[in-house]
Amino acid sequence: MYYKLPLIFEPQPEGGYTVTSPLLPELLTEGDSVADALDNVRDALAAVLEIYQEQGKPLPPYLTHASPTDAVRMEMVVAVP
């Protein structure tokens, strides 16, 4: 199943990135690069969804299902020389 949710990638002083989501405060993961962190989001989201299911909690209403063909909206900080 696919979900659409906002993610915040925060660079860490020691290197790598921490990822959180304002829609799911329980979602927390990290990675050595943005790509690694994004890969880890899948496992983190699966764990959060499992916790919600086990506790009988409804998913936040703004967490929507998505299709793999949906457009992706992204904001990035881009350095220009």
Foldseek 3Di string as FASTA:
>chain_A
DAKDFDKDWDADPVAWTWIAGPQQRQQIDIDRYPVRRVVVSVVSVVVSVVVCVVVVHDRRPVTDGDDPPDDDDDDDDDDDD
